Every structure is written in C-alpha cells, then in structure tokens.
Amino acid sequence: MTFPEIRQFFKAYVEEGQTILLKAYLQQAGFDYDESAKTVIEIKHPSTAQLALRKAWINQ
C-alpha cells in the first residue's frame, strides 16, 4: 500500500505523460534548474523553508 498521492503521481506523469514541473519542485528545495543546459545549481541565499525541505529530501 502507498499513499493516494503516489497513485495520483503515477497516473499523471507515467500513464498520462504530463510534464513534471521539475524547475518548480527544485526551487522549493533551494535549487535552480536550467532546462536548456540540463543543470541544477544551488540558490545563493535559500530560505529556511527551502533548506528544511532540502534536508528532508536529500539530507543536505
């Protein structure tokens, strides 16, 4: 069993092929995504909330 959100994610992004909003998700954790270069860099002055989410996601 998984959370209902996991099913919603798979339905939208795997079954239906919707585009994942990678830039928006990464910004929540204090990163900037350059779509054309396919690179991720840290935001210079992330907020406390961004740092907390980053720690929860990747323990950094």
Protein backbone atom coordinates (compact mmCIF):
# COMPACT_ATOMS: atom_id res chain seq x y z
CA MET A 1 0.00 0.00 0.00
CA THR A 2 1.12 3.55 -0.68
CA PHE A 3 -0.28 6.97 -0.11
CA PRO A 4 -3.00 8.11 -2.56
CA GLU A 5 -0.67 10.87 -3.72
CA ILE A 6 1.69 8.26 -5.18
CA ARG A 7 -1.12 6.86 -7.32
CA GLN A 8 -2.02 10.36 -8.48
CA PHE A 9 1.61 11.00 -9.39
CA PHE A 10 1.89 7.78 -11.42
CA LYS A 11 -1.40 8.42 -13.18
CA ALA A 12 -0.46 11.95 -14.18
CA TYR A 13 3.22 11.58 -15.03
CA VAL A 14 3.62 7.94 -16.03
CA GLU A 15 0.29 6.90 -17.52
CA GLU A 16 -0.79 10.24 -18.99
CA GLY A 17 2.70 11.56 -19.75
CA GLN A 18 2.20 15.00 -18.20
CA THR A 19 5.33 17.09 -17.89
CA ILE A 20 6.89 17.08 -14.43
CA LEU A 21 7.39 20.64 -13.21
CA LEU A 22 11.00 19.94 -12.29
CA LYS A 23 12.06 23.60 -12.06
CA ALA A 24 9.22 24.41 -9.63
CA TYR A 25 9.90 21.36 -7.47
CA LEU A 26 13.63 22.04 -7.27
CA GLN A 27 13.05 25.72 -6.41
CA GLN A 28 11.09 24.58 -3.37
CA ALA A 29 14.31 22.97 -2.10
CA GLY A 30 16.55 25.93 -2.93
CA PHE A 31 17.84 24.83 -6.32
CA ASP A 32 17.63 26.40 -9.76
CA TYR A 33 17.19 24.19 -12.82
CA ASP A 34 18.36 25.39 -16.23
CA GLU A 35 16.22 23.43 -18.65
CA SER A 36 18.28 24.21 -21.75
CA ALA A 37 21.61 23.25 -20.16
CA LYS A 38 20.08 20.46 -18.02
CA THR A 39 21.96 21.69 -14.96
CA VAL A 40 20.99 22.21 -11.34
CA ILE A 41 22.67 24.78 -9.11
CA GLU A 42 22.08 25.86 -5.53
CA ILE A 43 20.28 29.16 -4.98
CA LYS A 44 22.73 31.56 -3.28
CA HIS A 45 20.51 32.51 -0.34
CA PRO A 46 17.87 29.79 0.19
CA SER A 47 15.14 30.41 2.74
CA THR A 48 14.81 28.44 5.95
CA ALA A 49 11.86 26.58 4.42
CA GLN A 50 13.89 25.67 1.32
CA LEU A 51 16.74 24.37 3.46
CA ALA A 52 14.35 22.32 5.60
CA LEU A 53 12.80 20.72 2.54
CA ARG A 54 16.23 20.04 1.04
CA LYS A 55 17.29 18.31 4.25
CA ALA A 56 14.14 16.17 4.20
CA TRP A 57 14.60 15.26 0.52
CA ILE A 58 18.33 14.65 0.30
CA ASN A 59 19.64 15.08 3.86
CA GLN A 60 21.75 18.15 2.95
